[in-house]
Protein backbone atom coordinates (compact mmCIF):
# COMPACT_ATOMS: atom_id res chain seq x y z
CA MET A 1 91.19 138.59 109.93
CA THR A 2 93.38 137.83 112.97
CA THR A 3 97.09 138.08 112.20
CA GLU A 4 98.57 137.77 115.70
CA PRO A 5 101.08 134.92 116.15
CA LEU A 6 99.68 131.61 117.33
CA THR A 7 100.54 130.65 120.90
CA TYR A 8 102.77 127.73 119.92
CA ASP A 9 103.83 129.06 116.53
CA HIS A 10 107.44 129.30 117.68
CA ARG A 11 109.52 127.27 120.09
CA GLU A 12 109.48 129.68 123.02
CA HIS A 13 107.02 127.43 124.87
CA SER A 14 106.62 123.67 124.63
CA TYR A 15 103.10 122.40 123.98
CA PHE A 16 103.86 118.99 125.51
CA HIS A 17 105.50 120.60 128.55
CA ASP A 18 102.38 122.67 129.06
CA LEU A 19 100.11 119.61 128.81
CA ILE A 20 102.20 117.82 131.44
CA ASN A 21 102.48 120.86 133.71
CA THR A 22 98.71 121.30 133.57
CA HIS A 23 97.51 117.70 133.91
CA ASN A 24 100.31 115.62 135.44
CA VAL A 25 101.30 117.70 138.45
CA ASP A 26 99.74 118.22 141.88
CA VAL A 27 99.76 122.01 141.45
CA PRO A 28 99.10 123.00 137.81
CA ASP A 29 101.26 125.75 136.34
CA PRO A 30 98.87 128.70 135.78
CA ASP A 31 100.91 130.08 132.88
CA ALA A 32 100.90 126.70 131.12
CA ARG A 33 97.16 126.38 131.66
CA GLU A 34 96.55 129.87 130.29
CA ARG A 35 98.58 129.10 127.14
CA LEU A 36 96.55 125.92 126.56
CA ILE A 37 93.29 127.84 126.99
CA GLN A 38 94.49 130.44 124.49
CA HIS A 39 95.51 127.67 122.09
CA GLY A 40 92.03 126.14 122.44
CA LYS A 41 90.48 129.49 121.48
CA GLU A 42 92.73 129.66 118.42
CA VAL A 43 91.65 126.18 117.37
CA ALA A 44 88.00 127.26 117.67
CA GLU A 45 88.35 130.64 115.95
CA ARG A 46 91.36 130.85 113.63
CA ASP A 47 91.10 129.85 109.97
CA GLU A 48 94.37 127.93 110.23
CA TYR A 49 92.64 125.35 112.42
CA ALA A 50 89.46 124.98 110.34
CA ALA A 51 90.09 121.25 109.77
CA HIS A 52 90.68 120.54 113.49
CA ARG A 53 87.90 122.43 115.25
CA ASP A 54 86.66 119.49 117.32
CA GLY A 55 89.99 118.95 119.09
CA GLY A 56 90.04 122.04 121.32
CA TYR A 57 93.42 122.53 122.99
CA ALA A 58 94.01 118.77 122.52
CA ALA A 59 94.56 119.53 118.82
CA PRO A 60 98.35 119.81 118.40
CA PRO A 61 99.73 123.16 117.25
CA LEU A 62 99.98 123.60 113.48
CA ARG A 63 103.75 123.26 113.32
CA LEU A 64 103.48 119.87 115.03
CA TYR A 65 100.49 118.85 112.95
CA LYS A 66 102.58 119.48 109.84
CA ILE A 67 105.14 116.94 111.07
CA TYR A 68 102.35 114.37 111.31
CA GLU A 69 100.89 115.30 107.92
CA ASN A 70 104.31 114.98 106.27
CA LEU A 71 104.67 111.43 107.62
CA VAL A 72 101.15 110.59 106.45
CA GLU A 73 101.96 111.85 102.97
CA THR A 74 105.32 110.14 102.64
CA THR A 75 105.03 106.84 104.56
CA ARG A 76 101.57 105.36 103.96
CA PRO A 77 101.04 105.34 100.16
CA TYR A 78 98.78 102.28 100.11
CA ILE A 79 96.36 103.61 102.73
CA ASN A 80 96.41 107.03 101.07
CA ALA A 81 95.10 105.41 97.88
CA MET A 82 92.04 104.06 99.72
CA SER A 83 88.76 105.96 100.11
CA LEU A 84 89.45 108.28 103.06
CA TYR A 85 86.77 110.20 104.94
CA PRO A 86 86.78 112.46 108.01
CA MET A 87 85.27 110.93 111.12
CA PRO A 88 81.91 112.54 111.98
CA PRO A 89 81.63 113.50 115.67
CA GLY A 90 79.60 111.35 118.03
CA THR A 91 79.81 108.18 115.95
CA ASP A 92 80.69 104.73 117.32
CA THR A 93 79.56 102.52 114.39
CA PHE A 94 79.24 103.02 110.64
CA HIS A 95 76.74 101.23 108.42
CA VAL A 96 78.50 100.75 105.09
CA PRO A 97 76.29 99.62 102.17
CA THR A 98 77.25 96.42 100.35
CA THR A 99 75.62 94.40 97.57
CA THR A 100 73.87 92.23 100.18
CA GLY A 101 72.99 94.76 102.87
CA ASP A 102 74.70 97.00 105.42
CA LEU A 103 78.08 96.20 106.95
CA ASN A 104 78.57 97.36 110.55
CA VAL A 105 82.01 98.92 111.04
CA PRO A 106 82.92 99.88 114.64
CA VAL A 107 85.00 102.92 115.56
CA ARG A 108 88.30 102.20 117.30
CA THR A 109 90.82 104.42 119.09
CA ILE A 110 94.44 104.22 117.94
CA ALA A 111 97.17 105.96 119.94
CA GLY A 112 100.85 106.57 119.36
CA MET A 113 102.74 106.74 122.65
CA GLN A 114 106.08 107.92 124.00
CA SER A 115 107.38 107.58 127.57
CA ILE A 116 109.32 110.53 128.99
CA ALA A 117 111.09 110.40 132.35
CA GLN A 118 110.71 113.45 134.61
CA GLN A 119 114.47 114.07 134.52
CA LEU A 120 114.54 114.04 130.72
CA LEU A 121 111.54 116.35 130.63
CA GLU A 122 113.30 118.91 132.82
CA GLN A 123 116.50 118.74 130.76
CA SER A 124 114.90 118.51 127.31
CA PRO A 125 116.28 120.66 124.48
CA ILE A 126 114.37 123.46 122.83
CA ASN A 127 113.23 121.21 119.95
CA PHE A 128 111.68 118.70 122.36
CA ASP A 129 108.21 119.01 120.78
CA ASP A 130 109.41 118.36 117.24
CA ILE A 131 111.37 115.26 118.23
CA VAL A 132 108.57 113.78 120.32
CA MET A 133 105.94 114.55 117.68
CA ARG A 134 107.87 112.58 115.06
CA ASP A 135 108.08 109.61 117.43
CA LEU A 136 104.39 109.83 118.35
CA ALA A 137 103.28 110.16 114.73
CA ALA A 138 105.46 107.25 113.60
CA ASP A 139 104.11 105.04 116.38
CA TYR A 140 100.51 106.01 115.61
CA LEU A 141 100.90 105.32 111.88
CA THR A 142 102.60 101.99 112.57
CA LYS A 143 99.72 100.88 114.80
CA GLN A 144 97.17 102.14 112.29
CA GLY A 145 98.87 100.27 109.45
CA THR A 146 99.07 97.08 111.50
CA GLN A 147 95.33 97.22 112.15
CA VAL A 148 94.41 98.09 108.55
CA PHE A 149 96.49 95.21 107.18
CA THR A 150 96.23 92.50 109.86
CA GLY A 151 93.80 93.67 112.58
CA ALA A 152 91.81 90.86 114.19
CA GLY A 153 88.48 92.69 114.37
CA MET A 154 88.18 92.04 118.10
CA SER A 155 89.62 93.21 121.44
CA GLY A 156 89.49 96.84 120.34
CA GLU A 157 91.14 96.27 116.94
CA MET A 158 89.73 97.08 113.52
CA ARG A 159 89.18 94.14 111.16
CA GLY A 160 92.11 94.32 108.77
CA ILE A 161 92.50 93.12 105.22
CA ALA A 162 94.08 89.80 106.21
CA ASN A 163 91.00 88.87 108.28
CA THR A 164 88.33 90.14 105.88
CA PRO A 165 86.11 87.30 104.61
CA GLY A 166 86.44 86.58 100.91
CA ILE A 167 90.00 87.87 100.44
CA HIS A 168 91.75 85.62 97.89
CA LYS A 169 95.23 84.50 98.92
CA LEU A 170 98.03 83.10 96.76
CA THR A 171 100.41 81.31 99.14
CA ASN A 172 103.94 79.89 99.11
CA ILE A 173 104.96 81.85 96.03
CA PRO A 174 108.72 81.85 95.26
CA GLU A 175 110.07 85.38 94.91
CA ALA A 176 111.27 84.54 91.39
CA CYS A 177 107.63 83.88 90.42
CA LEU A 178 106.30 87.14 91.86
CA PRO A 179 105.66 88.87 88.48
CA GLU A 180 103.53 85.95 87.29
CA ALA A 181 101.70 85.80 90.64
CA ILE A 182 100.88 89.51 90.42
CA LEU A 183 99.47 89.09 86.92
CA LEU A 184 97.38 86.15 88.15
CA ALA A 185 96.15 88.23 91.11
CA SER A 186 95.20 91.04 88.71
CA SER A 187 93.16 88.67 86.55
CA ILE A 188 91.43 87.24 89.64
CA ILE A 189 90.32 90.73 90.73
CA ASP A 190 89.19 91.56 87.22
CA SER A 191 87.05 88.43 86.97
CA ARG A 192 85.59 88.63 90.52
CA ARG A 193 85.14 92.39 90.86
CA GLY A 194 84.52 93.23 87.20
CA GLU A 195 87.29 95.83 87.24
CA GLY A 196 91.04 95.48 87.47
CA PRO A 197 93.36 96.50 90.33
CA THR A 198 94.58 100.05 90.82
CA ILE A 199 97.57 99.40 93.08
CA ILE A 200 100.30 96.88 93.84
CA ALA A 201 101.67 97.38 97.35
CA LEU A 202 105.07 95.85 98.06
CA PRO A 203 106.68 95.73 101.52
CA THR A 204 109.49 98.26 101.54
CA THR A 205 112.33 95.74 101.96
CA LEU A 206 111.11 93.70 99.00
CA HIS A 207 110.50 96.81 96.91
CA ASN A 208 114.06 98.01 97.53
CA ASN A 209 115.54 94.62 96.66
CA LEU A 210 113.76 94.24 93.32
CA GLU A 211 115.57 95.48 90.23
CA LYS A 212 112.49 96.89 88.46
CA PRO A 213 109.52 96.87 90.85
CA HIS A 214 107.55 99.31 88.70
CA ALA A 215 107.52 96.86 85.80
CA PHE A 216 105.19 94.55 87.73
CA GLY A 217 101.52 94.16 86.86
CA PRO A 218 99.38 96.02 84.34
CA SER A 219 100.82 99.31 83.07
CA THR A 220 97.87 101.25 84.50
CA THR A 221 98.44 99.94 88.04
CA ALA A 222 100.47 102.02 90.53
CA VAL A 223 103.30 100.21 92.31
CA VAL A 224 104.10 101.53 95.79
CA SER A 225 106.48 100.75 98.63
CA GLU A 226 104.48 100.21 101.84
CA PRO A 227 106.66 100.10 104.98
CA ARG A 228 103.99 98.60 107.24
CA LEU A 229 103.16 95.51 105.21
CA ASN A 230 104.43 92.14 106.38
CA ARG A 231 107.80 91.63 104.66
CA ASN A 232 106.58 88.53 102.76
CA THR A 233 103.14 89.81 101.72
CA VAL A 234 102.23 91.72 98.56
CA HIS A 235 98.79 93.27 98.03
CA VAL A 236 97.17 93.60 94.61
CA ALA A 237 94.02 95.66 95.04
CA ARG A 238 91.40 98.12 93.96
CA ALA A 239 92.48 100.38 96.79
CA GLU A 240 89.52 102.74 96.54
CA ASP A 241 87.15 99.89 97.49
CA SER A 242 88.63 99.90 101.00
CA ILE A 243 87.24 102.61 103.29
CA LEU A 244 88.92 104.38 106.20
CA TYR A 245 87.23 106.96 108.40
CA GLU A 246 89.70 108.89 110.55
CA SER A 247 89.34 111.80 112.95
CA SER A 248 91.86 114.57 113.45
CA ILE A 249 94.61 113.61 115.87
CA ARG A 250 94.55 114.83 119.46
CA ALA A 251 97.15 114.89 122.22
CA ARG A 252 96.96 113.86 125.87
CA THR A 253 99.27 113.01 128.75
CA LEU A 254 99.16 110.38 131.46
CA LYS A 255 101.35 109.99 134.54
CA GLU A 256 102.85 106.79 135.88
CA THR A 257 104.81 106.31 139.10
CA ARG A 258 107.10 103.26 139.14
CA PRO A 259 107.79 102.29 142.79
CA THR A 260 110.39 99.65 141.83
CA GLU A 261 112.48 102.18 139.86
CA ILE A 262 114.32 104.80 141.89
CA ASP A 263 115.35 108.10 140.33
CA PRO A 264 119.07 108.47 141.20
CA THR A 265 118.74 112.27 141.29
CA THR A 266 115.89 112.50 143.81
CA GLY A 267 116.01 109.09 145.50
CA GLU A 268 112.23 108.88 144.90
CA PRO A 269 110.26 106.43 142.73
CA ARG A 270 110.72 107.27 139.07
CA ILE A 271 107.97 109.37 137.48
CA ILE A 272 107.17 108.64 133.85
CA HIS A 273 105.01 110.86 131.67
CA LEU A 274 103.17 109.04 128.89
CA LEU A 275 102.58 111.32 125.90
CA GLN A 276 100.03 110.24 123.32
CA ILE A 277 98.53 111.36 120.07
CA TYR A 278 95.37 109.48 119.21
CA ALA A 279 92.55 109.43 116.68
CA TYR A 280 89.33 107.56 116.06
CA ASN A 281 89.41 105.13 113.13
CA ALA A 282 86.93 102.88 111.34
CA PHE A 283 88.07 100.62 108.50
CA THR A 284 86.62 98.02 106.19
CA ALA A 285 87.86 96.14 103.15
CA GLY A 286 84.62 94.16 103.03
CA ARG A 287 82.27 96.33 101.01
CA PHE A 288 82.66 94.10 97.97
CA HIS A 289 83.06 90.91 100.02
CA GLY A 290 86.81 90.63 99.54
CA THR A 291 86.71 90.59 95.73
CA SER A 292 88.81 93.77 95.47
CA ILE A 293 92.04 92.40 96.98
CA VAL A 294 94.36 89.47 96.41
CA THR A 295 97.28 88.92 98.76
CA VAL A 296 100.43 87.25 97.44
CA GLU A 297 102.33 85.49 100.24
CA LEU A 298 105.94 84.62 99.42
CA ASP A 299 107.51 81.46 100.73
CA GLY A 300 110.22 81.86 103.36
């Protein structure tokens, strides 16, 4: 078993700096390139990276991956309750079985992005990677949540719950009537799906404003605060009937020169580095033709 330290295990070298200094410069830094190659070998060979083999050196170092995983665990409780599967390599469409045949679910790319000016890059503190990774992960998870909940199903977006055919909607519900609306939604799912809901997802602002949010709905139904739901929309659902395939995240950098913006330090057009983490996603809430979810839309 290999016990040598991982290349980016500590903060001596910046992973994102090395990506930029290898891909975004006219003359790549040979030391940065060598560290990335070594990191790629660790991803392929070390047990610590067993879940991220397909990423190569684009797989973020473990200490950065843990930042992402912590945000996944703590900020997307509704999606985490769905049926989650790893994305098989080389797939662009899934055929999901339904009661009336197969449902075609396309694979989409979702990317979290952060812009870094060249000057900031050169003057960045030692914890640059940790700060940027939190921003990238938060942006990625926000975009993923937006697509899962409201994606249009076109123009490169997944088809979200709001646009899934058959979803039952209770509209213009006064907030004071929310408990009764949730009980009605639960009975609708029970009668249409044959089984009751497993989760009640409240937008975080509403959840925080309610005196006893966990008293809502059947006693066997989990009540969660979901920060990426529309602030006036509550979901009552059998969460496990919704399916999300998701690959491991990867990192990449792009370079952008802005001729109309002059860097005051150099007098040259400003150079912006675009850092991204991205993953391949495929989502459907349509396996049971919308019978598993009722959305409760509050008035105002």
